[in-house]
Amino acid sequence: MRVIILAAGLGSRLRPHTDVVPKCLVKLGGKPLIQYQLEALHQAGINTADIAICSGYLSEKLEYLNIKLFKNEIYDKSNMVESLFCGESHMQEGEDLLICYSDIVYEPQLIKSLINTQGEVVVSADLDWLKLWSHRMDNPLDDAETFKTDNGRICELGEKPDSYDDIEAQFVGLIKVSGSRISQFIDFYRDLKQKSVYQEPSVQSMYMTSLLSALIANDWVVVPSYHHGGWVEVDTLDDLKTYQSMYDQRRLDGLVRLPSLE
């Protein structure tokens, strides 16, 4: 199992915290977000040597982790897919690839479930997403994205929903690509760069959900790994304040169990 953590972005919605550190080093409960991730990965049986971070903004702040770093030199002009393939040399044919957003905190069980679910591409999907979104905002539908399946395969995700009926679950920011398809995964990305068949103006600005949608449109077997909660996304200052308040009141374990609360 190879792991790439995407941590290149500016994290502008978490300023002023991200004025001095990248988003993944913002602290919740006194500990950087990425430390929770690394602990969850280790508890799921993944070795540090198999983990890499695709960094960008304030990349040097991550050197203390002693984890393999790849830098997206155009982090301020690009998005997650560009960052992911900065770490292409870390991808290994025959070894499953786990792709992790860096602004989420999750329990080890989410990783274990992802590993144990079969598919060319497996996407972690929260069936209880509304519980989390209701803590984060007054109208969850304003921020949520579509997630639809057909015969056990994901047929749509990442679009603006018209109603809650368009949302069977919510994409978490954890993806597994089967080791048997790594070479084809890399080739698919390179082909996208040549053909420009995606939503964004350039592949540099391509979102991860757009890449997944392109795979789906090209008949890749993309399936969900369902779970009920067990994670949080720290995307904005309001998110951080909400979770920190819940942590201080020892209520955060109602959303995700952090090591300090177990």
Protein backbone atom coordinates (compact mmCIF):
# COMPACT_ATOMS: atom_id res chain seq x y z
CA MET A 1 0.00 0.00 0.00
CA ARG A 2 1.31 3.42 -1.02
CA VAL A 3 -0.18 6.62 0.42
CA ILE A 4 -0.14 10.16 -0.93
CA ILE A 5 -1.43 12.98 1.28
CA LEU A 6 -2.42 16.11 -0.64
CA ALA A 7 -1.22 19.17 1.28
CA ALA A 8 -0.25 21.80 -1.28
CA GLY A 9 -3.04 24.36 -1.00
CA LEU A 10 -3.03 27.83 0.52
CA GLY A 11 -5.77 27.10 3.05
CA SER A 12 -6.97 30.69 2.75
CA ARG A 13 -10.26 29.99 4.55
CA LEU A 14 -8.29 29.07 7.67
CA ARG A 15 -6.39 32.34 7.94
CA PRO A 16 -4.83 33.68 10.10
CA HIS A 17 -3.72 30.16 11.17
CA THR A 18 -2.44 29.44 7.67
CA ASP A 19 -0.46 32.66 7.51
CA VAL A 20 2.36 30.79 9.24
CA VAL A 21 1.73 27.06 8.61
CA PRO A 22 0.15 24.97 5.85
CA LYS A 23 -3.41 23.82 6.38
CA CYS A 24 -2.47 20.32 7.56
CA LEU A 25 -0.44 21.77 10.44
CA VAL A 26 -3.34 23.78 11.86
CA LYS A 27 -4.04 22.38 15.31
CA LEU A 28 -7.20 20.81 16.67
CA GLY A 29 -7.14 19.77 20.30
CA GLY A 30 -3.52 20.88 20.51
CA LYS A 31 -2.31 18.59 17.72
CA PRO A 32 -1.73 19.25 13.98
CA LEU A 33 -4.33 17.69 11.70
CA ILE A 34 -1.72 15.67 9.88
CA GLN A 35 -0.59 14.00 13.10
CA TYR A 36 -4.07 12.55 13.55
CA GLN A 37 -3.93 11.30 9.98
CA LEU A 38 -0.55 9.65 10.42
CA GLU A 39 -1.71 7.95 13.61
CA ALA A 40 -4.82 6.63 11.85
CA LEU A 41 -2.75 5.33 8.93
CA HIS A 42 -0.29 3.63 11.26
CA GLN A 43 -3.11 2.05 13.26
CA ALA A 44 -4.49 0.73 9.96
CA GLY A 45 -1.17 -1.04 9.38
CA ILE A 46 0.52 1.40 6.97
CA ASN A 47 4.25 2.07 7.39
CA THR A 48 5.74 5.57 7.36
CA ALA A 49 8.08 4.56 4.51
CA ASP A 50 5.04 4.01 2.28
CA ILE A 51 3.60 7.50 2.93
CA ALA A 52 4.40 10.61 0.89
CA ILE A 53 3.11 14.17 1.11
CA CYS A 54 2.49 16.35 -1.93
CA SER A 55 3.18 19.79 -0.53
CA GLY A 56 3.36 23.31 -1.91
CA TYR A 57 2.54 26.30 0.27
CA LEU A 58 5.04 26.59 3.15
CA SER A 59 6.42 23.18 2.19
CA GLU A 60 9.47 23.59 4.41
CA LYS A 61 7.25 23.53 7.50
CA LEU A 62 6.57 19.82 6.84
CA GLU A 63 10.20 18.71 6.78
CA TYR A 64 10.22 17.89 10.50
CA LEU A 65 7.87 14.97 9.85
CA ASN A 66 10.68 13.07 8.09
CA ILE A 67 8.23 11.83 5.47
CA LYS A 68 8.93 11.79 1.73
CA LEU A 69 7.91 15.16 0.25
CA PHE A 70 6.99 16.07 -3.30
CA LYS A 71 6.41 19.74 -4.05
CA ASN A 72 3.86 21.23 -6.40
CA GLU A 73 5.78 24.28 -7.55
CA ILE A 74 2.65 25.88 -8.98
CA TYR A 75 0.49 25.24 -5.91
CA ASP A 76 -0.97 28.76 -6.09
CA LYS A 77 -2.19 28.22 -9.68
CA SER A 78 -3.33 24.60 -9.54
CA ASN A 79 -5.52 22.14 -7.70
CA MET A 80 -5.49 18.65 -6.17
CA VAL A 81 -5.03 16.55 -9.30
CA GLU A 82 -1.92 18.48 -10.28
CA SER A 83 -0.58 18.03 -6.74
CA LEU A 84 -1.34 14.31 -6.79
CA PHE A 85 0.68 13.64 -9.91
CA CYS A 86 3.64 15.59 -8.57
CA GLY A 87 4.02 12.39 -6.54
CA GLU A 88 3.74 10.09 -9.56
CA SER A 89 7.09 8.43 -8.81
CA HIS A 90 5.68 7.25 -5.48
CA MET A 91 2.94 5.32 -7.29
CA GLN A 92 3.90 1.70 -7.80
CA GLU A 93 2.26 -0.78 -10.14
CA GLY A 94 1.02 -3.75 -8.13
CA GLU A 95 0.59 -1.74 -4.93
CA ASP A 96 -2.71 -0.13 -3.99
CA LEU A 97 -2.57 3.66 -3.84
CA LEU A 98 -4.39 5.54 -1.07
CA ILE A 99 -5.05 9.22 -1.79
CA CYS A 100 -5.87 11.37 1.27
CA TYR A 101 -6.95 14.98 1.59
CA SER A 102 -4.91 16.72 4.28
CA ASP A 103 -7.70 18.76 5.87
CA ILE A 104 -9.64 15.80 7.27
CA VAL A 105 -9.35 13.84 10.50
CA TYR A 106 -10.62 10.27 10.48
CA GLU A 107 -10.70 7.06 12.45
CA PRO A 108 -8.52 4.09 11.40
CA GLN A 109 -11.61 2.08 10.54
CA LEU A 110 -12.25 4.26 7.50
CA ILE A 111 -8.86 3.28 6.12
CA LYS A 112 -9.35 -0.38 6.97
CA SER A 113 -12.71 -0.40 5.21
CA LEU A 114 -11.22 1.30 2.16
CA ILE A 115 -8.42 -1.26 2.00
CA ASN A 116 -10.84 -4.18 2.28
CA THR A 117 -13.30 -2.95 -0.38
CA GLN A 118 -12.72 -4.32 -3.86
CA GLY A 119 -12.82 -2.13 -6.95
CA GLU A 120 -10.61 -0.44 -9.52
CA VAL A 121 -11.20 2.78 -7.60
CA VAL A 122 -12.80 2.88 -4.14
CA VAL A 123 -14.19 6.08 -2.63
CA SER A 124 -14.84 6.50 1.09
CA ALA A 125 -18.47 7.62 1.50
CA ASP A 126 -20.25 8.77 4.65
CA LEU A 127 -23.89 7.69 4.91
CA ASP A 128 -24.34 9.88 8.02
CA TRP A 129 -22.92 12.98 6.36
CA LEU A 130 -25.92 15.14 7.28
CA LYS A 131 -25.09 14.87 10.98
CA LEU A 132 -21.66 16.39 10.36
CA TRP A 133 -22.89 19.02 7.89
CA SER A 134 -25.59 20.15 10.34
CA HIS A 135 -22.86 21.05 12.83
CA ARG A 136 -20.99 22.99 10.16
CA MET A 137 -23.70 25.12 8.53
CA ASP A 138 -27.33 26.19 8.70
CA ASN A 139 -28.23 24.84 5.27
CA PRO A 140 -26.23 21.66 4.52
CA LEU A 141 -27.58 21.47 0.97
CA ASP A 142 -25.69 24.67 0.06
CA ASP A 143 -22.32 22.96 0.50
CA ALA A 144 -22.97 19.25 -0.09
CA GLU A 145 -22.29 17.53 -3.42
CA THR A 146 -24.17 14.86 -5.34
CA PHE A 147 -23.38 11.20 -4.77
CA LYS A 148 -25.35 8.59 -6.71
CA THR A 149 -24.85 4.87 -7.32
CA ASP A 150 -26.21 2.37 -9.81
CA ASN A 151 -25.85 -1.40 -9.27
CA GLY A 152 -23.20 -0.83 -6.61
CA ARG A 153 -21.08 1.52 -8.71
CA ILE A 154 -20.80 5.28 -8.30
CA CYS A 155 -22.41 6.95 -11.31
CA GLU A 156 -22.25 10.59 -10.19
CA LEU A 157 -20.47 12.69 -7.59
CA GLY A 158 -19.24 16.20 -7.03
CA GLU A 159 -22.11 18.10 -8.68
CA LYS A 160 -24.45 20.68 -7.16
CA PRO A 161 -27.51 18.82 -5.78
CA ASP A 162 -31.07 19.93 -6.43
CA SER A 163 -32.36 18.12 -3.34
CA TYR A 164 -31.32 15.68 -0.65
CA ASP A 165 -32.49 12.90 -2.98
CA ASP A 166 -29.33 13.55 -5.02
CA ILE A 167 -27.10 12.66 -2.08
CA GLU A 168 -26.88 9.01 -1.08
CA ALA A 169 -23.68 9.70 0.87
CA GLN A 170 -20.91 12.28 0.93
CA PHE A 171 -17.39 11.92 -0.49
CA VAL A 172 -14.90 12.06 2.37
CA GLY A 173 -11.56 12.78 0.69
CA LEU A 174 -10.15 9.25 0.85
CA ILE A 175 -9.65 7.23 -2.34
CA LYS A 176 -8.01 3.92 -3.13
CA VAL A 177 -6.75 3.03 -6.61
CA SER A 178 -6.16 -0.68 -7.15
CA GLY A 179 -2.54 -1.67 -7.58
CA SER A 180 -3.48 -3.56 -10.72
CA ARG A 181 -4.57 -0.29 -12.36
CA ILE A 182 -1.82 2.13 -11.35
CA SER A 183 -0.17 2.26 -14.77
CA GLN A 184 -3.53 2.81 -16.45
CA PHE A 185 -4.37 5.47 -13.84
CA ILE A 186 -1.21 7.40 -14.72
CA ASP A 187 -1.84 6.96 -18.44
CA PHE A 188 -5.41 8.19 -18.00
CA TYR A 189 -4.17 11.39 -16.39
CA ARG A 190 -1.62 11.95 -19.15
CA ASP A 191 -4.31 11.39 -21.76
CA LEU A 192 -6.53 13.96 -20.05
CA LYS A 193 -3.75 16.52 -20.30
CA GLN A 194 -3.57 15.93 -24.03
CA LYS A 195 -7.29 15.80 -24.82
CA SER A 196 -8.60 18.41 -22.36
CA VAL A 197 -11.80 16.41 -21.76
CA TYR A 198 -12.75 17.70 -18.32
CA GLN A 199 -14.68 20.51 -16.71
CA GLU A 200 -11.93 22.90 -15.66
CA PRO A 201 -10.07 25.22 -18.04
CA SER A 202 -6.88 23.18 -17.59
CA VAL A 203 -5.77 19.97 -15.93
CA GLN A 204 -3.80 22.09 -13.49
CA SER A 205 -7.04 23.38 -11.98
CA MET A 206 -8.83 20.02 -12.03
CA TYR A 207 -10.65 18.93 -8.87
CA MET A 208 -10.41 15.37 -7.60
CA THR A 209 -14.13 14.80 -8.08
CA SER A 210 -13.72 15.82 -11.73
CA LEU A 211 -11.02 13.20 -12.16
CA LEU A 212 -13.27 10.60 -10.56
CA SER A 213 -16.15 11.67 -12.82
CA ALA A 214 -13.90 11.30 -15.86
CA LEU A 215 -12.92 7.79 -14.76
CA ILE A 216 -16.60 6.91 -14.30
CA ALA A 217 -17.42 8.26 -17.76
CA ASN A 218 -14.71 6.00 -19.18
CA ASP A 219 -16.17 2.87 -17.56
CA TRP A 220 -13.78 2.47 -14.67
CA VAL A 221 -15.28 0.50 -11.80
CA VAL A 222 -15.61 3.17 -9.11
CA VAL A 223 -17.34 1.91 -5.97
CA PRO A 224 -18.14 3.30 -2.51
CA SER A 225 -16.69 2.19 0.80
CA TYR A 226 -19.58 3.13 3.07
CA HIS A 227 -19.32 4.11 6.72
CA HIS A 228 -21.33 5.99 9.32
CA GLY A 229 -19.44 9.12 10.42
CA GLY A 230 -16.02 8.78 12.01
CA TRP A 231 -14.43 11.83 10.42
CA VAL A 232 -14.48 15.63 10.21
CA GLU A 233 -13.39 18.12 7.56
CA VAL A 234 -11.54 21.22 8.72
CA ASP A 235 -12.08 23.55 5.80
CA THR A 236 -12.92 26.92 7.37
CA LEU A 237 -12.40 28.94 10.52
CA ASP A 238 -15.98 28.17 11.52
CA ASP A 239 -15.26 24.43 11.16
CA LEU A 240 -12.22 24.74 13.39
CA LYS A 241 -14.05 26.78 16.02
CA THR A 242 -16.95 24.32 16.05
CA TYR A 243 -14.76 21.25 16.46
CA GLN A 244 -12.49 22.89 19.02
CA SER A 245 -15.49 23.87 21.11
CA MET A 246 -16.83 20.31 20.90
CA TYR A 247 -13.38 18.97 21.79
CA ASP A 248 -13.13 21.24 24.84
CA GLN A 249 -16.58 20.03 25.96
CA ARG A 250 -15.60 16.41 25.27
CA ARG A 251 -18.34 16.11 22.66
CA LEU A 252 -16.24 15.73 19.53
CA ASP A 253 -16.21 11.95 19.88
CA GLY A 254 -19.84 12.10 18.74
CA LEU A 255 -18.39 12.87 15.29
CA VAL A 256 -14.89 11.37 15.35
CA ARG A 257 -12.91 9.59 18.03
CA LEU A 258 -9.50 11.22 18.41
CA PRO A 259 -6.81 9.35 20.36
CA SER A 260 -6.97 11.86 23.21
CA LEU A 261 -10.69 11.17 23.65
CA GLU A 262 -10.49 7.38 23.67
